[in-house]
Amino acid sequence: MKKITYIIAGFSALFCSCSILDIEPASEWGGTSMPTEQSHIEAILNGGYQRLCSALQSGFVYYGDARADVYYTNSTSAVTADKIVRSNLEINLSQASWTNFYQVVKQANLNIYYIPRMVSEGTLDAANVNDLLGQSYCLRAMAYFWIVRIWGDAPLVTVPVFSANDDFDMPRSPVDDVFVQIHKDLDSAYVYLTDPASSKYQKSVTRFTRPASQALKAQVYMWQKEYALALKELNDVIDKGGYSLEKLYDASLEAADTDNFRNEIAKTGFSKMFNAEQSSGSTESIFELSFSTSDGDTNNAFDSFWTATTATFMVREDFVNFLKENTADLRYYASVAKKGSNGKSRCKKLVMNYTRGDARNIILMRLGDMLLLRAEARLGLVEDDVLSQTQADEIMADINAIMVRAAGPDAEMFYDKDGEGYKDWSKEEFVELLKSERRKELAFEGHRWFDLVRWGDVNNALGAMEPAVDATYVFDTGGFTIDERAIVWPIHINEIRRSKYIEQNEYYK
């Protein structure tokens, strides 16, 4: 996104030239220091997307998978990564800083503040900028959703901060208040984003659309265990969003644990959607972070994480064994590389045909995730231990869609076929299948840690890990548990020093 960087860099100078420290913008601000035309609004929005890319280019791994039962570290230079993998978090880790996320908030706040005023003054035509305003609300909601899941209570900055260093100085708001704001933002986004039925609607996976705003709202409701509200959003996204599952299973392919077979898997729509730049063009992707080599972008973090000679992250062998339990399930071959001569396993899902300096988009929301969330939401609404056939069939329809895509028609499960099936399953049996499928389907995509936190399963999963006895550089002793207060991250020491209001999370004091 290098071109965008240049656009916003020049424009940001206008905002950074002022020394006003108040949260509320002062009346002295002149026309030379505020956006005056639509191109400025677009530049601010592009800057917000760029900053989201900066926050999550490696952050989706550190925050979403590294602390879960996924990886062990394997490099002499992986000291920081090992601290994260073992949940030995420190207040000076760069990943403990929320600065990048608040930079996203800053860009969104500028547009949310200025666009309505410029429309009112006649500087902008609402018909041309309403969608830009909706995208800005989504950006702010997305940033706060990550912030609140990582750090818990957080400063709720909802108006521009006009200062030379973008500092805000306010106490942390309770988690519940942050969620209230997230929903307000997503409600506003829905109003302003273009209706998919409109002739002006342009489907995009690298810009927030109305269906993407609903997918994000569904994720938020699922985090809050508001299953009925989540189900409403999920039904709209799945049934009306215009998305479809990409193909993975191919009856003409015979699975084999070889590089050649993985090269065939790399040609499937499933693998291609994780291995594209600028826009995957996937029928399944709902929202993704956009990177482009033509704009000077790279995903060199992917090289250090997974493809380098001494890659930082190796896949835990117990996770590998779990993925390949069903030899017909092609998600194993689409996710994990063939073992090297050192007998270690690497992530392959996001680096098919990867070369150093390559750029890959990062998918944050896709249909496969939404289908499994809908099954989970429906399970959350079941009050009895044994499900009715209607309840069971609705839940299994979404899970079956995922399993059949992965392993073919033989993977489909039926209510009562030849005296077998899920007719007499307890609710817990459905829950265990759902959790298993999310672990397989979303492997390495940055969801696992948040799933474990949402389910209350963190210590169950961490405690069950087997030792990584083949770890060359960092000794991994296997399972451990953490204090529940350590589920949230520490707040970076610089934030504690900077603000008289910010208190450290209890566990890290």
Protein backbone atom coordinates (compact mmCIF):
# COMPACT_ATOMS: atom_id res chain seq x y z
CA MET A 1 0.00 0.00 0.00
CA LYS A 2 2.95 2.28 -0.61
CA LYS A 3 1.04 4.66 -2.89
CA ILE A 4 -1.56 5.19 -0.20
CA THR A 5 1.22 5.91 2.26
CA TYR A 6 2.42 8.80 0.13
CA ILE A 7 -1.09 10.18 -0.24
CA ILE A 8 -1.82 10.21 3.45
CA ALA A 9 1.66 11.28 4.48
CA GLY A 10 1.29 14.58 2.72
CA PHE A 11 -2.20 15.13 4.05
CA SER A 12 -1.31 14.08 7.59
CA ALA A 13 1.12 16.97 7.77
CA LEU A 14 -1.88 19.29 7.81
CA PHE A 15 -3.17 17.64 10.95
CA CYS A 16 0.16 17.22 12.70
CA SER A 17 1.11 20.87 12.27
CA CYS A 18 -1.32 21.95 15.01
CA SER A 19 -0.41 21.95 18.69
CA ILE A 20 -3.98 21.93 20.06
CA LEU A 21 -4.13 19.33 22.83
CA ASP A 22 -7.84 19.28 23.58
CA ILE A 23 -9.90 16.27 22.60
CA GLU A 24 -12.67 18.50 21.26
CA PRO A 25 -11.50 20.38 18.14
CA ALA A 26 -11.10 24.09 18.74
CA SER A 27 -12.83 26.77 16.72
CA GLU A 28 -9.51 28.33 15.72
CA TRP A 29 -8.85 25.60 13.19
CA GLY A 30 -8.61 27.18 9.77
CA GLY A 31 -9.43 25.84 6.31
CA THR A 32 -5.79 25.00 5.61
CA SER A 33 -5.77 22.44 8.40
CA MET A 34 -8.90 20.44 7.64
CA PRO A 35 -10.19 18.39 4.70
CA THR A 36 -11.80 20.55 2.05
CA GLU A 37 -12.75 18.09 -0.70
CA GLN A 38 -13.69 14.48 -1.32
CA SER A 39 -10.16 13.43 -2.28
CA HIS A 40 -9.01 14.38 1.23
CA ILE A 41 -11.72 12.20 2.77
CA GLU A 42 -10.68 9.31 0.55
CA ALA A 43 -7.03 9.81 1.54
CA ILE A 44 -7.94 9.72 5.23
CA LEU A 45 -9.93 6.51 4.68
CA ASN A 46 -7.09 4.91 2.73
CA GLY A 47 -4.78 5.82 5.59
CA GLY A 48 -7.12 4.00 7.97
CA TYR A 49 -7.00 0.84 5.88
CA GLN A 50 -3.22 1.13 5.68
CA ARG A 51 -2.92 1.42 9.43
CA LEU A 52 -5.17 -1.61 9.89
CA CYS A 53 -2.77 -3.50 7.64
CA SER A 54 0.13 -2.33 9.81
CA ALA A 55 -1.63 -3.46 12.98
CA LEU A 56 -2.52 -6.91 11.69
CA GLN A 57 0.08 -7.87 9.08
CA SER A 58 1.86 -9.87 11.76
CA GLY A 59 -0.60 -9.07 14.54
CA PHE A 60 -3.17 -11.58 13.34
CA VAL A 61 -0.59 -14.29 14.14
CA TYR A 62 0.69 -12.87 17.43
CA TYR A 63 -2.74 -12.04 18.82
CA GLY A 64 -4.83 -14.72 17.14
CA ASP A 65 -2.76 -17.93 17.07
CA ALA A 66 0.64 -17.62 18.74
CA ARG A 67 -0.67 -18.02 22.28
CA ALA A 68 -2.93 -20.96 21.40
CA ASP A 69 -2.16 -24.66 20.88
CA VAL A 70 -0.77 -24.10 17.38
CA TYR A 71 2.96 -23.34 17.30
CA TYR A 72 6.25 -23.75 19.06
CA THR A 73 9.24 -21.51 18.34
CA ASN A 74 12.29 -22.72 16.50
CA SER A 75 14.87 -19.98 16.08
CA THR A 76 17.68 -18.47 18.15
CA SER A 77 16.21 -15.06 17.27
CA ALA A 78 12.70 -16.02 18.33
CA VAL A 79 13.00 -14.89 21.95
CA THR A 80 10.05 -12.51 21.68
CA ALA A 81 7.92 -15.04 19.83
CA ASP A 82 8.71 -17.69 22.43
CA LYS A 83 7.59 -15.37 25.22
CA ILE A 84 4.29 -14.93 23.42
CA VAL A 85 3.87 -18.64 22.65
CA ARG A 86 4.46 -19.48 26.31
CA SER A 87 2.30 -16.53 27.51
CA ASN A 88 5.27 -15.02 29.34
CA LEU A 89 4.16 -11.57 28.24
CA GLU A 90 6.13 -8.49 29.27
CA ILE A 91 5.17 -4.83 29.34
CA ASN A 92 7.93 -3.81 26.92
CA LEU A 93 7.03 -6.22 24.10
CA SER A 94 6.28 -4.23 20.96
CA GLN A 95 3.12 -6.31 20.48
CA ALA A 96 1.86 -5.01 23.84
CA SER A 97 1.42 -1.58 22.28
CA TRP A 98 -2.03 -0.60 21.01
CA THR A 99 -0.64 2.36 19.04
CA ASN A 100 -1.30 0.89 15.59
CA PHE A 101 -4.94 0.21 16.43
CA TYR A 102 -5.43 3.73 17.76
CA GLN A 103 -3.93 5.04 14.53
CA VAL A 104 -6.83 3.30 12.77
CA VAL A 105 -9.20 4.96 15.22
CA LYS A 106 -7.58 8.33 14.54
CA GLN A 107 -8.19 8.10 10.79
CA ALA A 108 -11.77 6.94 11.28
CA ASN A 109 -12.48 9.71 13.78
CA LEU A 110 -11.37 12.37 11.32
CA ASN A 111 -13.86 11.23 8.70
CA ILE A 112 -16.67 10.60 11.16
CA TYR A 113 -16.21 14.15 12.47
CA TYR A 114 -15.70 16.01 9.20
CA ILE A 115 -17.91 14.28 6.63
CA PRO A 116 -21.27 15.25 8.19
CA ARG A 117 -20.07 18.82 8.69
CA MET A 118 -18.83 19.12 5.12
CA VAL A 119 -22.10 17.68 3.80
CA SER A 120 -24.03 20.17 5.92
CA GLU A 121 -21.91 23.02 4.59
CA GLY A 122 -22.38 21.84 1.00
CA THR A 123 -18.69 20.99 0.49
CA LEU A 124 -19.54 17.32 -0.09
CA ASP A 125 -22.44 15.57 -1.76
CA ALA A 126 -23.92 13.01 0.64
CA ALA A 127 -24.69 10.67 -2.25
CA ASN A 128 -20.97 10.44 -3.00
CA VAL A 129 -19.57 10.18 0.50
CA ASN A 130 -22.12 8.24 2.58
CA ASP A 131 -20.38 4.97 1.75
CA LEU A 132 -17.03 6.47 2.76
CA LEU A 133 -18.58 7.46 6.09
CA GLY A 134 -19.94 3.94 6.55
CA GLN A 135 -16.52 2.45 5.88
CA SER A 136 -15.00 4.81 8.47
CA TYR A 137 -17.49 3.62 11.11
CA CYS A 138 -16.54 0.01 10.27
CA LEU A 139 -12.84 0.75 10.59
CA ARG A 140 -13.34 2.21 14.04
CA ALA A 141 -15.51 -0.72 15.10
CA MET A 142 -12.97 -3.23 13.79
CA ALA A 143 -10.11 -1.51 15.62
CA TYR A 144 -11.99 -1.44 18.93
CA PHE A 145 -13.07 -5.07 18.55
CA TRP A 146 -9.42 -6.12 18.35
CA ILE A 147 -8.42 -3.74 21.15
CA VAL A 148 -11.06 -4.95 23.58
CA ARG A 149 -10.33 -8.64 22.91
CA ILE A 150 -6.59 -8.12 23.39
CA TRP A 151 -6.41 -5.64 26.29
CA GLY A 152 -9.89 -5.53 27.80
CA ASP A 153 -10.87 -2.08 29.11
CA ALA A 154 -9.64 0.63 26.75
CA PRO A 155 -9.73 4.41 26.25
CA LEU A 156 -12.77 5.23 24.13
CA VAL A 157 -11.60 7.93 21.74
CA THR A 158 -14.46 8.92 19.45
CA VAL A 159 -13.48 12.41 18.30
CA PRO A 160 -10.31 13.62 16.57
CA VAL A 161 -7.24 14.27 18.68
CA PHE A 162 -5.53 17.32 17.25
CA SER A 163 -2.04 17.15 18.65
CA ALA A 164 1.44 16.96 17.22
CA ASN A 165 1.94 13.38 18.43
CA ASP A 166 -1.70 12.15 18.33
CA ASP A 167 -1.66 11.55 22.08
CA PHE A 168 -4.91 11.15 23.97
CA ASP A 169 -5.04 11.32 27.73
CA MET A 170 -8.10 9.66 29.20
CA PRO A 171 -8.89 6.68 31.41
CA ARG A 172 -9.85 3.27 30.12
CA SER A 173 -13.54 2.64 29.57
CA PRO A 174 -15.08 -0.65 30.76
CA VAL A 175 -15.33 -3.44 28.20
CA ASP A 176 -19.13 -3.19 28.16
CA ASP A 177 -18.96 0.49 27.23
CA VAL A 178 -16.56 -0.27 24.40
CA PHE A 179 -18.96 -2.87 23.04
CA VAL A 180 -21.81 -0.37 23.19
CA GLN A 181 -19.74 1.96 21.01
CA ILE A 182 -18.81 -0.83 18.61
CA HIS A 183 -22.48 -1.62 18.04
CA LYS A 184 -23.34 2.06 17.62
CA ASP A 185 -20.64 2.31 14.97
CA LEU A 186 -21.81 -0.79 13.14
CA ASP A 187 -25.43 0.38 13.26
CA SER A 188 -24.33 3.67 11.71
CA ALA A 189 -22.20 1.83 9.16
CA TYR A 190 -25.18 -0.24 8.05
CA VAL A 191 -27.17 2.94 7.40
CA TYR A 192 -24.47 4.68 5.39
CA LEU A 193 -22.97 1.75 3.46
CA THR A 194 -24.45 1.17 0.04
CA ASP A 195 -27.37 -1.25 -0.11
CA PRO A 196 -26.32 -4.35 -2.11
CA ALA A 197 -29.62 -4.02 -4.01
CA SER A 198 -28.60 -0.57 -5.25
CA SER A 199 -27.17 -0.04 -8.74
CA LYS A 200 -24.34 1.89 -7.04
CA TYR A 201 -23.24 -1.11 -4.98
CA GLN A 202 -19.77 -2.44 -5.77
CA LYS A 203 -18.84 -5.75 -4.23
CA SER A 204 -15.40 -5.59 -2.64
CA VAL A 205 -13.34 -7.76 -0.33
CA THR A 206 -10.75 -5.08 0.47
CA ARG A 207 -13.26 -2.38 1.47
CA PHE A 208 -15.99 -2.61 4.04
CA THR A 209 -19.40 -3.29 2.50
CA ARG A 210 -22.78 -3.62 4.17
CA PRO A 211 -22.53 -7.45 4.28
CA ALA A 212 -19.02 -7.13 5.73
CA SER A 213 -20.35 -4.80 8.44
CA GLN A 214 -22.96 -7.44 9.30
CA ALA A 215 -20.31 -10.17 9.39
CA LEU A 216 -18.27 -8.08 11.82
CA LYS A 217 -21.38 -7.40 13.93
CA ALA A 218 -22.04 -11.15 14.03
CA GLN A 219 -18.51 -11.79 15.29
CA VAL A 220 -19.00 -9.18 18.00
CA TYR A 221 -22.31 -10.67 19.10
CA MET A 222 -20.77 -14.14 19.21
CA TRP A 223 -18.00 -12.83 21.46
CA GLN A 224 -20.70 -11.45 23.76
CA LYS A 225 -22.69 -14.71 23.54
CA GLU A 226 -25.69 -12.82 22.16
CA TYR A 227 -26.65 -15.77 19.99
CA ALA A 228 -30.07 -14.63 18.79
CA LEU A 229 -28.72 -11.27 17.66
CA ALA A 230 -25.72 -12.94 16.02
CA LEU A 231 -27.98 -15.38 14.19
CA LYS A 232 -29.96 -12.56 12.58
CA GLU A 233 -26.78 -11.01 11.16
CA LEU A 234 -25.36 -14.38 10.10
CA ASN A 235 -28.52 -15.31 8.22
CA ASP A 236 -28.30 -12.09 6.22
CA VAL A 237 -24.61 -12.56 5.41
CA ILE A 238 -24.91 -16.22 4.49
CA ASP A 239 -28.24 -16.20 2.70
CA LYS A 240 -28.21 -12.74 1.11
CA GLY A 241 -24.57 -11.65 0.96
CA GLY A 242 -23.81 -13.30 -2.38
CA TYR A 243 -20.92 -15.42 -1.08
CA SER A 244 -20.22 -19.08 -1.84
CA LEU A 245 -17.68 -21.64 -0.63
CA GLU A 246 -14.57 -22.10 -2.72
CA LYS A 247 -13.76 -25.59 -3.94
CA LEU A 248 -11.23 -27.82 -2.19
CA TYR A 249 -12.21 -31.48 -2.49
CA ASP A 250 -11.70 -33.00 -5.93
CA ALA A 251 -12.66 -36.63 -6.52
CA SER A 252 -10.06 -36.88 -9.28
CA LEU A 253 -7.22 -36.20 -6.84
CA GLU A 254 -5.73 -38.95 -4.72
CA ALA A 255 -4.43 -37.55 -1.45
CA ALA A 256 -0.74 -38.08 -0.76
CA ASP A 257 1.63 -36.51 1.74
CA THR A 258 3.92 -35.13 -0.97
CA ASP A 259 4.98 -31.76 -2.32
CA ASN A 260 3.47 -32.70 -5.68
CA PHE A 261 0.05 -33.26 -4.17
CA ARG A 262 0.25 -29.95 -2.33
CA ASN A 263 1.04 -28.28 -5.65
CA GLU A 264 -2.28 -29.63 -6.89
CA ILE A 265 -4.00 -28.35 -3.76
CA ALA A 266 -2.47 -24.93 -4.44
CA LYS A 267 -4.54 -24.76 -7.64
CA THR A 268 -7.86 -25.07 -5.79
CA GLY A 269 -10.06 -22.06 -5.11
CA PHE A 270 -9.69 -22.71 -1.39
CA SER A 271 -5.92 -22.29 -1.46
CA LYS A 272 -5.93 -19.49 -3.98
CA MET A 273 -8.04 -17.23 -1.79
CA PHE A 274 -5.25 -17.18 0.83
CA ASN A 275 -2.50 -16.65 -1.72
CA ALA A 276 -3.45 -13.55 -3.68
CA GLU A 277 -2.60 -9.87 -3.52
CA GLN A 278 -4.73 -6.73 -3.88
CA SER A 279 -7.94 -8.71 -4.18
CA SER A 280 -8.30 -12.45 -4.03
CA GLY A 281 -11.36 -12.38 -6.25
CA SER A 282 -12.66 -15.16 -4.03
CA THR A 283 -16.36 -15.94 -3.88
CA GLU A 284 -15.88 -16.83 -0.20
CA SER A 285 -13.88 -13.88 1.13
CA ILE A 286 -15.88 -11.18 2.90
CA PHE A 287 -13.12 -8.83 4.07
CA GLU A 288 -9.37 -8.98 3.67
CA LEU A 289 -6.36 -6.74 4.19
CA SER A 290 -4.91 -5.72 0.85
CA PHE A 291 -1.21 -5.87 -0.03
CA SER A 292 0.38 -5.35 -3.42
CA THR A 293 3.95 -5.82 -4.64
CA SER A 294 3.33 -3.15 -7.29
CA ASP A 295 2.81 -0.69 -4.43
CA GLY A 296 5.99 -1.80 -2.70
CA ASP A 297 4.30 -4.07 -0.16
CA THR A 298 5.76 -7.35 1.06
CA ASN A 299 4.80 -9.97 3.59
CA ASN A 300 8.34 -10.60 4.77
CA ALA A 301 6.90 -11.51 8.16
CA PHE A 302 5.50 -14.60 6.45
CA ASP A 303 9.02 -15.56 5.44
CA SER A 304 10.39 -15.25 8.96
CA PHE A 305 7.32 -16.95 10.42
CA TRP A 306 7.03 -20.00 8.17
CA THR A 307 9.36 -20.30 5.17
CA ALA A 308 12.84 -19.22 6.29
CA THR A 309 15.55 -21.82 6.87
CA THR A 310 15.15 -21.32 10.61
CA ALA A 311 11.50 -20.30 10.59
CA THR A 312 10.18 -18.74 13.79
CA PHE A 313 7.03 -20.84 14.08
CA MET A 314 6.82 -24.59 13.68
CA VAL A 315 3.48 -26.36 13.87
CA ARG A 316 2.95 -28.43 17.00
CA GLU A 317 3.01 -32.12 16.15
CA ASP A 318 -0.13 -32.82 18.16
CA PHE A 319 -1.92 -30.20 16.01
CA VAL A 320 -0.53 -31.83 12.85
CA ASN A 321 -1.81 -35.22 13.99
CA PHE A 322 -5.21 -33.71 14.70
CA LEU A 323 -5.39 -32.18 11.20
CA LYS A 324 -4.57 -35.45 9.46
CA GLU A 325 -6.81 -37.77 11.50
CA ASN A 326 -9.03 -38.15 8.44
CA THR A 327 -6.76 -38.90 5.48
CA ALA A 328 -9.51 -37.84 3.07
CA ASP A 329 -9.72 -34.37 4.63
CA LEU A 330 -7.75 -32.14 2.26
CA ARG A 331 -7.46 -29.30 4.77
CA TYR A 332 -4.39 -30.99 6.20
CA TYR A 333 -2.61 -30.80 2.82
CA ALA A 334 -3.87 -27.25 2.30
CA SER A 335 -2.60 -26.16 5.71
CA VAL A 336 0.64 -27.96 6.58
CA ALA A 337 3.77 -28.43 4.48
CA LYS A 338 5.34 -31.83 3.98
CA LYS A 339 7.85 -32.45 6.74
CA GLY A 340 11.39 -31.42 5.92
CA SER A 341 14.51 -33.47 6.45
CA ASN A 342 14.52 -32.23 10.06
CA GLY A 343 11.18 -33.90 10.66
CA LYS A 344 9.42 -30.64 11.53
CA SER A 345 6.13 -29.29 10.22
CA ARG A 346 5.47 -25.80 8.90
CA CYS A 347 2.39 -23.79 8.10
CA LYS A 348 1.68 -23.85 4.35
CA LYS A 349 -1.81 -22.41 4.13
CA LEU A 350 -0.86 -18.78 3.54
CA VAL A 351 2.42 -19.37 1.72
CA MET A 352 1.63 -21.65 -1.23
CA ASN A 353 4.22 -20.85 -3.93
CA TYR A 354 5.57 -18.08 -1.72
CA THR A 355 8.82 -16.29 -2.49
CA ARG A 356 10.57 -13.74 -0.29
CA GLY A 357 9.27 -10.26 -0.98
CA ASP A 358 5.90 -11.61 -2.07
CA ALA A 359 2.69 -9.89 -0.96
CA ARG A 360 -0.35 -11.80 0.23
CA ASN A 361 -3.72 -10.52 1.31
CA ILE A 362 -4.86 -11.52 4.80
CA ILE A 363 -8.45 -12.69 5.07
CA LEU A 364 -10.14 -11.56 8.28
CA MET A 365 -13.69 -12.69 7.48
CA ARG A 366 -14.96 -15.37 5.11
CA LEU A 367 -18.03 -17.51 4.52
CA GLY A 368 -16.57 -20.70 6.04
CA ASP A 369 -16.16 -18.87 9.35
CA MET A 370 -19.71 -17.49 9.15
CA LEU A 371 -21.24 -20.94 8.54
CA LEU A 372 -19.54 -22.37 11.58
CA LEU A 373 -20.50 -19.33 13.66
CA ARG A 374 -24.13 -19.83 12.63
CA ALA A 375 -24.00 -23.46 13.74
CA GLU A 376 -22.47 -22.29 17.04
CA ALA A 377 -25.11 -19.58 17.48
CA ARG A 378 -27.90 -22.10 16.93
CA LEU A 379 -26.27 -24.44 19.45
CA GLY A 380 -26.09 -21.57 21.91
CA LEU A 381 -29.85 -21.15 21.65
CA VAL A 382 -30.58 -24.82 22.40
CA GLU A 383 -31.87 -25.15 25.95
CA ASP A 384 -32.26 -28.93 26.16
CA ASP A 385 -29.48 -31.48 26.21
CA VAL A 386 -31.00 -33.44 23.31
CA LEU A 387 -31.83 -31.50 20.15
CA SER A 388 -34.98 -31.80 18.10
CA GLN A 389 -34.52 -33.05 14.54
CA THR A 390 -35.15 -29.55 13.19
CA GLN A 391 -32.51 -28.06 15.47
CA ALA A 392 -30.02 -30.81 14.71
CA ASP A 393 -30.57 -30.65 10.95
CA GLU A 394 -30.15 -26.86 10.81
CA ILE A 395 -26.92 -27.02 12.78
CA MET A 396 -25.51 -29.95 10.82
CA ALA A 397 -26.40 -28.37 7.47
CA ASP A 398 -23.74 -25.68 8.02
CA ILE A 399 -21.18 -28.08 9.51
CA ASN A 400 -21.80 -30.58 6.69
CA ALA A 401 -21.18 -27.87 4.10
CA ILE A 402 -17.70 -27.35 5.58
CA MET A 403 -16.88 -31.06 5.98
CA VAL A 404 -18.06 -32.02 2.49
CA ARG A 405 -16.03 -29.18 0.97
CA ALA A 406 -12.99 -30.59 2.77
CA ALA A 407 -13.41 -34.35 2.36
CA GLY A 408 -16.09 -35.00 -0.23
CA PRO A 409 -19.63 -36.39 -0.09
CA ASP A 410 -18.65 -39.33 2.12
CA ALA A 411 -18.01 -36.84 4.93
CA GLU A 412 -21.65 -35.77 5.12
CA MET A 413 -23.47 -36.77 8.29
CA PHE A 414 -27.18 -37.67 8.43
CA TYR A 415 -29.78 -37.58 11.17
CA ASP A 416 -30.60 -41.27 11.04
CA LYS A 417 -29.03 -43.36 8.32
CA ASP A 418 -28.85 -47.13 8.74
CA GLY A 419 -29.39 -46.74 12.45
CA GLU A 420 -26.46 -44.33 12.79
CA GLY A 421 -26.04 -40.57 12.63
CA TYR A 422 -26.67 -37.73 15.02
CA LYS A 423 -30.25 -38.60 15.98
CA ASP A 424 -29.48 -39.26 19.62
CA TRP A 425 -26.54 -36.91 20.01
CA SER A 426 -26.37 -34.74 23.11
CA LYS A 427 -25.81 -31.02 22.80
CA GLU A 428 -22.24 -31.52 24.01
CA GLU A 429 -21.50 -33.89 21.13
CA PHE A 430 -22.59 -31.25 18.64
CA VAL A 431 -20.48 -28.68 20.47
CA GLU A 432 -17.39 -30.89 20.31
CA LEU A 433 -17.84 -31.45 16.57
CA LEU A 434 -18.31 -27.72 16.03
CA LYS A 435 -15.14 -26.89 17.97
CA SER A 436 -13.20 -29.55 16.07
CA GLU A 437 -14.34 -28.20 12.72
CA ARG A 438 -13.46 -24.62 13.59
CA ARG A 439 -9.98 -25.74 14.61
CA LYS A 440 -9.47 -27.52 11.29
CA GLU A 441 -11.22 -25.06 9.00
CA LEU A 442 -9.65 -21.88 10.38
CA ALA A 443 -6.16 -23.25 11.07
CA PHE A 444 -3.48 -20.52 11.01
CA GLU A 445 -5.97 -17.75 10.16
CA GLY A 446 -5.77 -15.98 13.53
CA HIS A 447 -8.99 -17.27 15.11
CA ARG A 448 -7.87 -20.07 17.44
CA TRP A 449 -6.89 -18.03 20.52
CA PHE A 450 -10.06 -15.96 20.38
CA ASP A 451 -12.17 -19.11 19.97
CA LEU A 452 -10.55 -20.62 23.06
CA VAL A 453 -11.15 -17.45 25.07
CA ARG A 454 -14.77 -17.23 23.89
CA TRP A 455 -15.41 -20.86 24.85
CA GLY A 456 -13.55 -20.67 28.17
CA ASP A 457 -11.20 -23.38 26.89
CA VAL A 458 -7.80 -21.67 27.11
CA ASN A 459 -6.29 -23.78 29.88
CA ASN A 460 -7.91 -26.98 28.65
CA ALA A 461 -6.16 -26.52 25.30
CA LEU A 462 -2.83 -25.27 26.64
CA GLY A 463 -2.68 -27.96 29.27
CA ALA A 464 -3.20 -30.73 26.72
CA MET A 465 -0.25 -29.75 24.50
CA GLU A 466 2.41 -32.40 24.03
CA PRO A 467 6.10 -31.45 24.34
CA ALA A 468 7.77 -30.31 21.14
CA VAL A 469 10.67 -32.68 21.67
CA ASP A 470 12.20 -31.82 18.30
CA ALA A 471 12.52 -28.11 19.06
CA THR A 472 16.09 -27.28 18.09
CA TYR A 473 16.61 -23.91 19.69
CA VAL A 474 13.90 -23.32 22.27
CA PHE A 475 13.06 -26.04 24.74
CA ASP A 476 9.30 -26.62 24.73
CA THR A 477 8.06 -28.65 27.67
CA GLY A 478 4.52 -29.02 26.38
CA GLY A 479 1.36 -28.31 28.34
CA PHE A 480 0.99 -25.53 30.87
CA THR A 481 -1.76 -23.31 32.24
CA ILE A 482 -2.02 -19.58 32.80
CA ASP A 483 -3.69 -17.33 35.34
CA GLU A 484 -7.08 -16.26 33.99
CA ARG A 485 -6.05 -12.64 34.52
CA ALA A 486 -3.23 -13.21 32.01
CA ILE A 487 -5.64 -13.89 29.15
CA VAL A 488 -5.56 -10.17 28.33
CA TRP A 489 -2.28 -8.64 27.26
CA PRO A 490 -0.26 -6.16 29.30
CA ILE A 491 -0.43 -2.53 28.26
CA HIS A 492 2.90 -1.30 26.92
CA ILE A 493 5.07 0.52 29.44
CA ASN A 494 5.16 3.62 27.25
CA GLU A 495 1.40 4.05 27.58
CA ILE A 496 1.62 3.73 31.35
CA ARG A 497 4.37 6.34 31.48
CA ARG A 498 2.65 8.67 29.01
CA SER A 499 -0.74 8.95 30.66
CA LYS A 500 -1.69 9.67 34.25
CA TYR A 501 -4.97 7.86 33.63
CA ILE A 502 -3.89 4.50 32.18
CA GLU A 503 -3.59 1.69 34.71
CA GLN A 504 -1.82 -1.57 33.95
CA ASN A 505 -3.86 -4.76 33.68
CA GLU A 506 -3.97 -6.39 37.10
CA TYR A 507 -1.87 -9.47 36.35
CA TYR A 508 1.04 -7.40 35.03
CA LYS A 509 1.26 -4.82 37.81
